[in-house]
Amino acid sequence: MRSGWRWPVGAALVAVCAAGCAVGTNKGQVCDDAVKAVGTYNATLNRISPDDITGWKQAAATLAARFDTLARESDDRKVKRTLSGMATEWRGVSTGMTPRDISGMQAAVQRQPAALAKACH
């Protein structure tokens, strides 16, 4: 369950900045940091037992907090708005996840790489 969706998401987000981060603003750095945050989240999930729902929720809450921080740091309105939305979605994931229902996490993982890519180009 856990490793099947992680790698493609990480690869998709790494491609976001490789394809073209902005020059002259902090947009490129913020986008790069967002990709790194997802990598950290993935690494955290690899260390958490599949049965540790509290750990999974905490990892999602930590990712939401990082996206909030990056949104505040961004000087690009589109990136700021995208990261704020991603943070809101991950906060929902962190509170709504149950041992039998990780659909919120799966939806975020499927939707967010394209949204971040669009904002970062």
N, C-alpha and C. Protein backbone atom coordinates (compact mmCIF):
# COMPACT_ATOMS: atom_id res chain seq x y z
N MET A 1 0.83 -1.19 0.00
CA MET A 1 0.00 0.00 0.00
C MET A 1 0.87 1.25 0.00
N ARG A 2 1.86 1.31 0.85
CA ARG A 2 2.58 2.56 1.02
C ARG A 2 3.53 2.88 -0.12
N SER A 3 4.28 1.93 -0.61
CA SER A 3 5.31 2.26 -1.59
C SER A 3 4.77 2.41 -3.00
N GLY A 4 3.58 1.92 -3.29
CA GLY A 4 3.05 1.96 -4.64
C GLY A 4 2.80 3.36 -5.16
N TRP A 5 2.42 4.29 -4.32
CA TRP A 5 2.09 5.64 -4.79
C TRP A 5 3.18 6.64 -4.51
N ARG A 6 4.11 6.32 -3.63
CA ARG A 6 5.12 7.30 -3.22
C ARG A 6 6.08 7.67 -4.32
N TRP A 7 6.68 6.68 -4.95
CA TRP A 7 7.71 6.98 -5.92
C TRP A 7 7.20 7.84 -7.06
N PRO A 8 6.06 7.52 -7.70
CA PRO A 8 5.61 8.36 -8.80
C PRO A 8 5.35 9.80 -8.37
N VAL A 9 4.85 10.01 -7.17
CA VAL A 9 4.59 11.37 -6.69
C VAL A 9 5.90 12.11 -6.51
N GLY A 10 6.86 11.47 -5.87
CA GLY A 10 8.15 12.11 -5.69
C GLY A 10 8.80 12.45 -7.01
N ALA A 11 8.73 11.54 -7.97
CA ALA A 11 9.32 11.79 -9.29
C ALA A 11 8.60 12.93 -10.00
N ALA A 12 7.29 12.96 -9.87
CA ALA A 12 6.52 14.04 -10.52
C ALA A 12 6.86 15.39 -9.93
N LEU A 13 7.02 15.46 -8.61
CA LEU A 13 7.33 16.74 -7.98
C LEU A 13 8.76 17.18 -8.26
N VAL A 14 9.68 16.25 -8.36
CA VAL A 14 11.06 16.62 -8.71
C VAL A 14 11.07 17.21 -10.11
N ALA A 15 10.25 16.70 -10.99
CA ALA A 15 10.17 17.21 -12.35
C ALA A 15 9.64 18.64 -12.40
N VAL A 16 8.90 19.05 -11.38
CA VAL A 16 8.34 20.40 -11.34
C VAL A 16 9.45 21.42 -11.46
N CYS A 17 10.46 21.34 -10.61
CA CYS A 17 11.53 22.33 -10.65
C CYS A 17 12.53 22.07 -11.77
N ALA A 18 12.72 20.83 -12.12
CA ALA A 18 13.64 20.52 -13.20
C ALA A 18 13.13 21.12 -14.51
N ALA A 19 11.81 21.25 -14.64
CA ALA A 19 11.22 21.75 -15.87
C ALA A 19 11.26 23.26 -15.98
N GLY A 20 11.48 23.96 -14.88
CA GLY A 20 11.60 25.41 -15.02
C GLY A 20 11.14 26.20 -13.82
N CYS A 21 12.02 26.46 -12.90
CA CYS A 21 11.71 27.32 -11.78
C CYS A 21 12.05 28.76 -12.16
N ALA A 22 11.33 29.68 -11.62
CA ALA A 22 11.48 31.10 -11.97
C ALA A 22 12.82 31.66 -11.50
N VAL A 23 13.31 32.63 -12.24
CA VAL A 23 14.53 33.32 -11.89
C VAL A 23 14.16 34.75 -11.54
N GLY A 24 14.79 35.33 -10.52
CA GLY A 24 14.52 36.71 -10.12
C GLY A 24 13.49 36.83 -9.02
N THR A 25 12.91 35.75 -8.61
CA THR A 25 11.99 35.73 -7.48
C THR A 25 12.41 34.56 -6.60
N ASN A 26 11.69 34.37 -5.52
CA ASN A 26 12.00 33.20 -4.70
C ASN A 26 11.13 32.00 -5.11
N LYS A 27 10.40 32.14 -6.20
CA LYS A 27 9.51 31.09 -6.68
C LYS A 27 10.24 29.76 -6.86
N GLY A 28 11.41 29.79 -7.49
CA GLY A 28 12.16 28.57 -7.71
C GLY A 28 12.57 27.90 -6.42
N GLN A 29 13.03 28.70 -5.46
CA GLN A 29 13.46 28.14 -4.17
C GLN A 29 12.27 27.57 -3.41
N VAL A 30 11.15 28.29 -3.42
CA VAL A 30 9.95 27.81 -2.72
C VAL A 30 9.45 26.52 -3.35
N CYS A 31 9.43 26.47 -4.67
CA CYS A 31 8.99 25.25 -5.36
C CYS A 31 9.93 24.09 -5.06
N ASP A 32 11.23 24.36 -5.07
CA ASP A 32 12.20 23.33 -4.75
C ASP A 32 12.02 22.84 -3.31
N ASP A 33 11.78 23.76 -2.40
CA ASP A 33 11.56 23.39 -1.00
C ASP A 33 10.27 22.59 -0.82
N ALA A 34 9.26 22.88 -1.62
CA ALA A 34 8.01 22.11 -1.57
C ALA A 34 8.27 20.67 -2.01
N VAL A 35 9.07 20.51 -3.05
CA VAL A 35 9.42 19.17 -3.53
C VAL A 35 10.20 18.43 -2.44
N LYS A 36 11.13 19.12 -1.80
CA LYS A 36 11.91 18.51 -0.71
C LYS A 36 11.00 18.12 0.45
N ALA A 37 10.00 18.94 0.74
CA ALA A 37 9.06 18.62 1.83
C ALA A 37 8.32 17.32 1.55
N VAL A 38 7.94 17.12 0.31
CA VAL A 38 7.26 15.87 -0.06
C VAL A 38 8.23 14.70 0.08
N GLY A 39 9.48 14.89 -0.29
CA GLY A 39 10.49 13.84 -0.12
C GLY A 39 10.68 13.48 1.34
N THR A 40 10.69 14.49 2.19
CA THR A 40 10.80 14.25 3.64
C THR A 40 9.59 13.50 4.15
N TYR A 41 8.41 13.88 3.67
CA TYR A 41 7.17 13.19 4.04
C TYR A 41 7.26 11.71 3.63
N ASN A 42 7.69 11.46 2.41
CA ASN A 42 7.82 10.08 1.94
C ASN A 42 8.80 9.29 2.80
N ALA A 43 9.93 9.90 3.13
CA ALA A 43 10.93 9.24 3.97
C ALA A 43 10.35 8.93 5.35
N THR A 44 9.57 9.85 5.87
CA THR A 44 8.92 9.63 7.17
C THR A 44 7.97 8.45 7.10
N LEU A 45 7.17 8.39 6.04
CA LEU A 45 6.22 7.28 5.90
C LEU A 45 6.94 5.94 5.82
N ASN A 46 8.12 5.94 5.22
CA ASN A 46 8.88 4.69 5.12
C ASN A 46 9.32 4.18 6.50
N ARG A 47 9.42 5.09 7.47
CA ARG A 47 9.84 4.70 8.81
C ARG A 47 8.66 4.36 9.73
N ILE A 48 7.44 4.69 9.31
CA ILE A 48 6.27 4.49 10.15
C ILE A 48 5.61 3.16 9.79
N SER A 49 5.22 2.45 10.82
CA SER A 49 4.51 1.18 10.62
C SER A 49 3.18 1.46 9.93
N PRO A 50 2.76 0.58 9.02
CA PRO A 50 1.45 0.76 8.37
C PRO A 50 0.30 0.78 9.37
N ASP A 51 0.50 0.21 10.54
CA ASP A 51 -0.54 0.17 11.56
C ASP A 51 -0.54 1.41 12.46
N ASP A 52 0.43 2.28 12.31
CA ASP A 52 0.57 3.45 13.18
C ASP A 52 -0.17 4.65 12.58
N ILE A 53 -1.48 4.66 12.68
CA ILE A 53 -2.28 5.73 12.08
C ILE A 53 -1.96 7.08 12.68
N THR A 54 -1.60 7.10 13.96
CA THR A 54 -1.23 8.36 14.60
C THR A 54 0.03 8.93 13.95
N GLY A 55 0.98 8.07 13.66
CA GLY A 55 2.20 8.52 12.98
C GLY A 55 1.92 9.05 11.59
N TRP A 56 1.03 8.38 10.86
CA TRP A 56 0.65 8.82 9.52
C TRP A 56 -0.04 10.19 9.58
N LYS A 57 -0.92 10.35 10.57
CA LYS A 57 -1.63 11.63 10.72
C LYS A 57 -0.64 12.74 11.05
N GLN A 58 0.31 12.45 11.94
CA GLN A 58 1.31 13.46 12.31
C GLN A 58 2.17 13.83 11.11
N ALA A 59 2.53 12.86 10.30
CA ALA A 59 3.33 13.15 9.10
C ALA A 59 2.55 14.07 8.15
N ALA A 60 1.26 13.81 7.99
CA ALA A 60 0.43 14.66 7.12
C ALA A 60 0.31 16.07 7.71
N ALA A 61 0.16 16.16 9.02
CA ALA A 61 0.06 17.48 9.67
C ALA A 61 1.37 18.25 9.53
N THR A 62 2.49 17.55 9.63
CA THR A 62 3.79 18.19 9.46
C THR A 62 3.96 18.71 8.04
N LEU A 63 3.53 17.93 7.06
CA LEU A 63 3.60 18.38 5.67
C LEU A 63 2.71 19.61 5.46
N ALA A 64 1.53 19.61 6.05
CA ALA A 64 0.64 20.76 5.96
C ALA A 64 1.30 22.01 6.54
N ALA A 65 1.93 21.85 7.68
CA ALA A 65 2.60 22.99 8.31
C ALA A 65 3.75 23.50 7.44
N ARG A 66 4.47 22.61 6.80
CA ARG A 66 5.58 23.03 5.93
C ARG A 66 5.05 23.78 4.71
N PHE A 67 3.95 23.28 4.13
CA PHE A 67 3.35 23.98 3.00
C PHE A 67 2.84 25.36 3.42
N ASP A 68 2.29 25.47 4.62
CA ASP A 68 1.85 26.78 5.13
C ASP A 68 3.03 27.74 5.22
N THR A 69 4.13 27.26 5.76
CA THR A 69 5.33 28.09 5.89
C THR A 69 5.83 28.54 4.52
N LEU A 70 5.90 27.62 3.59
CA LEU A 70 6.36 27.96 2.24
C LEU A 70 5.41 28.94 1.56
N ALA A 71 4.11 28.78 1.78
CA ALA A 71 3.14 29.72 1.20
C ALA A 71 3.39 31.13 1.73
N ARG A 72 3.66 31.25 3.02
CA ARG A 72 3.94 32.57 3.60
C ARG A 72 5.23 33.16 3.04
N GLU A 73 6.21 32.31 2.75
CA GLU A 73 7.50 32.78 2.25
C GLU A 73 7.46 33.17 0.78
N SER A 74 6.54 32.61 0.03
CA SER A 74 6.52 32.82 -1.42
C SER A 74 6.17 34.26 -1.78
N ASP A 75 6.89 34.79 -2.77
CA ASP A 75 6.56 36.12 -3.29
C ASP A 75 5.75 36.03 -4.59
N ASP A 76 5.32 34.83 -4.92
CA ASP A 76 4.50 34.60 -6.11
C ASP A 76 3.08 34.23 -5.67
N ARG A 77 2.10 35.02 -6.12
CA ARG A 77 0.72 34.80 -5.67
C ARG A 77 0.19 33.43 -6.04
N LYS A 78 0.50 32.96 -7.23
CA LYS A 78 -0.01 31.66 -7.68
C LYS A 78 0.57 30.52 -6.84
N VAL A 79 1.88 30.58 -6.59
CA VAL A 79 2.52 29.56 -5.76
C VAL A 79 1.98 29.64 -4.33
N LYS A 80 1.84 30.84 -3.82
CA LYS A 80 1.32 31.04 -2.47
C LYS A 80 -0.07 30.42 -2.33
N ARG A 81 -0.94 30.70 -3.29
CA ARG A 81 -2.31 30.17 -3.27
C ARG A 81 -2.32 28.65 -3.38
N THR A 82 -1.49 28.12 -4.27
CA THR A 82 -1.42 26.67 -4.46
C THR A 82 -0.94 25.98 -3.19
N LEU A 83 0.13 26.48 -2.60
CA LEU A 83 0.67 25.87 -1.38
C LEU A 83 -0.30 25.99 -0.22
N SER A 84 -1.00 27.10 -0.14
CA SER A 84 -2.02 27.26 0.92
C SER A 84 -3.12 26.22 0.76
N GLY A 85 -3.55 26.01 -0.47
CA GLY A 85 -4.56 25.00 -0.74
C GLY A 85 -4.07 23.60 -0.43
N MET A 86 -2.82 23.34 -0.77
CA MET A 86 -2.23 22.02 -0.48
C MET A 86 -2.15 21.82 1.03
N ALA A 87 -1.78 22.85 1.76
CA ALA A 87 -1.70 22.75 3.22
C ALA A 87 -3.07 22.46 3.82
N THR A 88 -4.08 23.15 3.33
CA THR A 88 -5.44 22.90 3.81
C THR A 88 -5.85 21.46 3.55
N GLU A 89 -5.54 20.97 2.36
CA GLU A 89 -5.90 19.59 2.03
C GLU A 89 -5.17 18.60 2.94
N TRP A 90 -3.88 18.83 3.22
CA TRP A 90 -3.14 17.92 4.09
C TRP A 90 -3.60 18.01 5.54
N ARG A 91 -4.05 19.18 5.98
CA ARG A 91 -4.63 19.26 7.33
C ARG A 91 -5.89 18.39 7.40
N GLY A 92 -6.70 18.42 6.35
CA GLY A 92 -7.88 17.56 6.28
C GLY A 92 -7.50 16.10 6.28
N VAL A 93 -6.45 15.76 5.56
CA VAL A 93 -5.96 14.38 5.52
C VAL A 93 -5.55 13.96 6.93
N SER A 94 -4.84 14.84 7.62
CA SER A 94 -4.31 14.48 8.94
C SER A 94 -5.43 14.24 9.96
N THR A 95 -6.55 14.90 9.80
CA THR A 95 -7.64 14.70 10.75
C THR A 95 -8.62 13.63 10.29
N GLY A 96 -8.70 13.39 8.99
CA GLY A 96 -9.71 12.47 8.46
C GLY A 96 -9.24 11.06 8.20
N MET A 97 -7.95 10.81 8.32
CA MET A 97 -7.42 9.49 8.00
C MET A 97 -7.80 8.49 9.09
N THR A 98 -8.19 7.31 8.65
CA THR A 98 -8.48 6.21 9.57
C THR A 98 -7.72 4.98 9.08
N PRO A 99 -7.59 3.97 9.93
CA PRO A 99 -6.86 2.77 9.48
C PRO A 99 -7.47 2.13 8.24
N ARG A 100 -8.75 2.31 8.02
CA ARG A 100 -9.41 1.70 6.87
C ARG A 100 -9.67 2.67 5.72
N ASP A 101 -9.36 3.93 5.93
CA ASP A 101 -9.66 4.92 4.89
C ASP A 101 -8.52 5.92 4.75
N ILE A 102 -7.75 5.73 3.71
CA ILE A 102 -6.67 6.67 3.39
C ILE A 102 -6.98 7.38 2.07
N SER A 103 -8.25 7.42 1.72
CA SER A 103 -8.64 8.00 0.43
C SER A 103 -8.28 9.48 0.32
N GLY A 104 -8.35 10.21 1.42
CA GLY A 104 -7.97 11.62 1.38
C GLY A 104 -6.51 11.79 1.02
N MET A 105 -5.67 10.96 1.59
CA MET A 105 -4.25 11.01 1.28
C MET A 105 -4.02 10.63 -0.18
N GLN A 106 -4.68 9.59 -0.63
CA GLN A 106 -4.52 9.16 -2.02
C GLN A 106 -4.97 10.25 -2.99
N ALA A 107 -6.07 10.93 -2.67
CA ALA A 107 -6.56 12.01 -3.54
C ALA A 107 -5.56 13.16 -3.59
N ALA A 108 -5.01 13.54 -2.44
CA ALA A 108 -4.04 14.62 -2.40
C ALA A 108 -2.80 14.26 -3.20
N VAL A 109 -2.35 13.04 -3.04
CA VAL A 109 -1.15 12.57 -3.73
C VAL A 109 -1.36 12.56 -5.25
N GLN A 110 -2.55 12.25 -5.68
CA GLN A 110 -2.84 12.22 -7.12
C GLN A 110 -3.02 13.61 -7.70
N ARG A 111 -3.61 14.52 -6.97
CA ARG A 111 -3.97 15.83 -7.48
C ARG A 111 -2.84 16.87 -7.36
N GLN A 112 -2.09 16.81 -6.30
CA GLN A 112 -1.19 17.91 -5.99
C GLN A 112 0.03 18.06 -6.89
N PRO A 113 0.64 17.01 -7.40
CA PRO A 113 1.80 17.25 -8.27
C PRO A 113 1.47 18.13 -9.48
N ALA A 114 0.34 17.90 -10.10
CA ALA A 114 -0.04 18.72 -11.28
C ALA A 114 -0.31 20.16 -10.86
N ALA A 115 -0.95 20.34 -9.72
CA ALA A 115 -1.24 21.71 -9.25
C ALA A 115 0.05 22.45 -8.94
N LEU A 116 0.99 21.79 -8.30
CA LEU A 116 2.26 22.43 -7.97
C LEU A 116 3.06 22.71 -9.24
N ALA A 117 3.06 21.76 -10.16
CA ALA A 117 3.76 21.97 -11.43
C ALA A 117 3.23 23.18 -12.18
N LYS A 118 1.91 23.31 -12.22
CA LYS A 118 1.28 24.44 -12.90
C LYS A 118 1.65 25.75 -12.24
N ALA A 119 1.64 25.78 -10.91
CA ALA A 119 1.98 27.02 -10.19
C ALA A 119 3.45 27.38 -10.32
N CYS A 120 4.30 26.38 -10.43
CA CYS A 120 5.74 26.62 -10.44
C CYS A 120 6.30 26.94 -11.82
N HIS A 121 5.50 26.85 -12.85
CA HIS A 121 5.99 27.17 -14.19
C HIS A 121 5.64 28.57 -14.59
